[in-house]
Each structure stands twice: as C-alpha cells, then as structure tokens.
Amino acid sequence: SEFFVNDTKNPGFFSLQKRGLKWRDFFDSQSYFLSQNCLIMGDGVFCNNEDEILNFYLNGILSPNLFDREIADGDVALITYGDNSKSDLDKQIEEAKHLFED
C-alpha cells in the first residue's frame, strides 16, 4: 500500500506515509480478512470456536476495538489465537515488546 511502507531490515515493522489511518486500513492493505471473530491469511484460517479465540492487543493492553483505533507512532499490535492462557499471553506480549527495543 502507498500508505504503509515495510522496513526492509525488520519485516514486522512499517512506517506510515499518511496520518489518521486506522488499524483496519493497515490490515485491509495487507490482503488479510480480519474481523473480531476470524483472521484469514493466505491458507491460514483462524476463527473463534469452542477451544480457541482471537484476541487483539495494542501496546500490551487488550483492545477488542483495535480496528477502529488510529495508528500512533510506536504502536505495537499483537493478535493472538489459541486457548490464550495467561502465561502464554504474557509470553507473547513480552516477545512483541522486545521487538521494538534497540
């Protein structure tokens, strides 16, 4: 997308080329189908069911309305899927935070 430029040294990072964009704009630009209940990426389908659910975190805080939030400098978004036990979530959040440390 013309509004999101991937960092060639860090593929999980991108820079905004326009202010005021929301997380929904980002996911739409990546050709993902993403809703509160389902994430489809290529052949991967991750939908809420009895055993596993999607959760959305922004800067380490549960953010079920992630799609509607404006992207701010330094934001870290994490989407988890699984049984989301506390220990597993804490580990994933810590790993995501470390991605942004110098």
Protein backbone atom coordinates (compact mmCIF):
# COMPACT_ATOMS: atom_id res chain seq x y z
CA SER A 1 0.00 0.00 0.00
CA GLU A 2 1.16 3.54 -0.65
CA PHE A 3 0.30 4.45 2.95
CA PHE A 4 2.35 1.71 4.65
CA VAL A 5 5.99 1.07 3.80
CA ASN A 6 7.65 -2.08 5.15
CA ASP A 7 11.04 -1.74 6.81
CA THR A 8 13.41 -3.90 4.73
CA LYS A 9 15.61 -4.64 7.77
CA ASN A 10 12.68 -5.53 10.05
CA PRO A 11 9.82 -7.13 8.09
CA GLY A 12 7.39 -6.85 11.00
CA PHE A 13 7.80 -3.07 11.07
CA PHE A 14 6.27 -0.45 8.82
CA SER A 15 6.16 3.29 8.60
CA LEU A 16 3.08 5.37 7.97
CA GLN A 17 3.06 7.63 4.95
CA LYS A 18 -0.18 9.35 5.96
CA ARG A 19 -1.56 10.38 9.35
CA GLY A 20 -5.03 9.48 10.58
CA LEU A 21 -5.03 5.87 9.37
CA LYS A 22 -6.67 3.20 11.48
CA TRP A 23 -5.59 -0.37 12.12
CA ARG A 24 -8.42 -1.57 9.84
CA ASP A 25 -6.74 0.36 6.98
CA PHE A 26 -3.49 -1.46 7.65
CA PHE A 27 -4.99 -4.96 7.69
CA ASP A 28 -7.05 -4.22 4.58
CA SER A 29 -3.87 -3.09 2.78
CA GLN A 30 -2.20 -6.43 3.58
CA SER A 31 -4.90 -8.51 1.84
CA TYR A 32 -5.95 -10.13 5.12
CA PHE A 33 -9.53 -10.79 6.02
CA LEU A 34 -9.85 -9.81 9.63
CA SER A 35 -12.88 -9.43 11.85
CA GLN A 36 -13.48 -9.75 15.57
CA ASN A 37 -14.05 -13.49 15.03
CA CYS A 38 -11.82 -14.55 12.14
CA LEU A 39 -8.40 -13.96 10.57
CA ILE A 40 -7.65 -15.34 7.11
CA MET A 41 -4.12 -15.02 5.74
CA GLY A 42 -3.41 -16.99 2.59
CA ASP A 43 -4.13 -20.62 3.51
CA GLY A 44 -4.36 -19.89 7.24
CA VAL A 45 -7.84 -19.63 8.72
CA PHE A 46 -8.10 -18.73 12.40
CA CYS A 47 -11.69 -18.37 13.62
CA ASN A 48 -13.16 -18.32 17.11
CA ASN A 49 -14.51 -21.67 18.23
CA GLU A 50 -15.13 -23.52 21.50
CA ASP A 51 -11.41 -24.08 22.15
CA GLU A 52 -9.58 -21.17 20.54
CA ILE A 53 -10.23 -17.45 20.18
CA LEU A 54 -8.67 -14.37 18.64
CA ASN A 55 -7.59 -11.57 20.95
CA PHE A 56 -6.26 -8.17 19.96
CA TYR A 57 -3.70 -6.21 21.97
CA LEU A 58 -2.39 -2.71 21.44
CA ASN A 59 0.77 -1.78 23.33
CA GLY A 60 0.27 -4.77 25.64
CA ILE A 61 -3.34 -3.94 26.56
CA LEU A 62 -6.34 -5.99 25.46
CA SER A 63 -8.02 -3.91 22.75
CA PRO A 64 -11.09 -5.58 21.25
CA ASN A 65 -11.74 -2.41 19.21
CA LEU A 66 -8.26 -2.43 17.64
CA PHE A 67 -9.62 -1.99 14.10
CA ASP A 68 -11.19 1.36 14.95
CA ARG A 69 -8.13 2.80 16.69
CA GLU A 70 -5.94 5.31 14.92
CA ILE A 71 -2.35 4.13 14.46
CA ALA A 72 0.10 6.16 16.57
CA ASP A 73 3.89 6.32 16.41
CA GLY A 74 5.43 3.40 18.27
CA ASP A 75 2.25 1.33 18.45
CA VAL A 76 2.68 -2.42 18.85
CA ALA A 77 -0.28 -4.56 17.76
CA LEU A 78 -0.45 -8.22 18.71
CA ILE A 79 -3.09 -10.67 17.53
CA THR A 80 -3.21 -13.95 19.41
CA TYR A 81 -5.08 -17.13 18.62
CA GLY A 82 -5.46 -20.17 20.81
CA ASP A 83 -6.61 -21.07 24.27
CA ASN A 84 -4.97 -17.81 25.40
CA SER A 85 -3.84 -18.99 28.80
CA LYS A 86 -2.45 -16.15 30.90
CA SER A 87 1.12 -17.49 30.84
CA ASP A 88 1.06 -17.90 27.05
CA LEU A 89 -0.38 -14.41 26.52
CA ASP A 90 2.17 -12.82 28.87
CA LYS A 91 4.96 -14.52 26.92
CA GLN A 92 3.63 -13.32 23.56
CA ILE A 93 3.19 -9.75 24.82
CA GLU A 94 6.73 -9.68 26.21
CA GLU A 95 8.12 -11.06 22.94
CA ALA A 96 6.28 -8.37 20.97
CA LYS A 97 7.61 -5.62 23.27
CA HIS A 98 11.18 -6.85 22.77
CA LEU A 99 10.86 -6.50 19.01
CA PHE A 100 10.84 -2.74 19.45
CA GLU A 101 13.80 -2.39 21.78
CA ASP A 102 17.05 -1.07 20.36
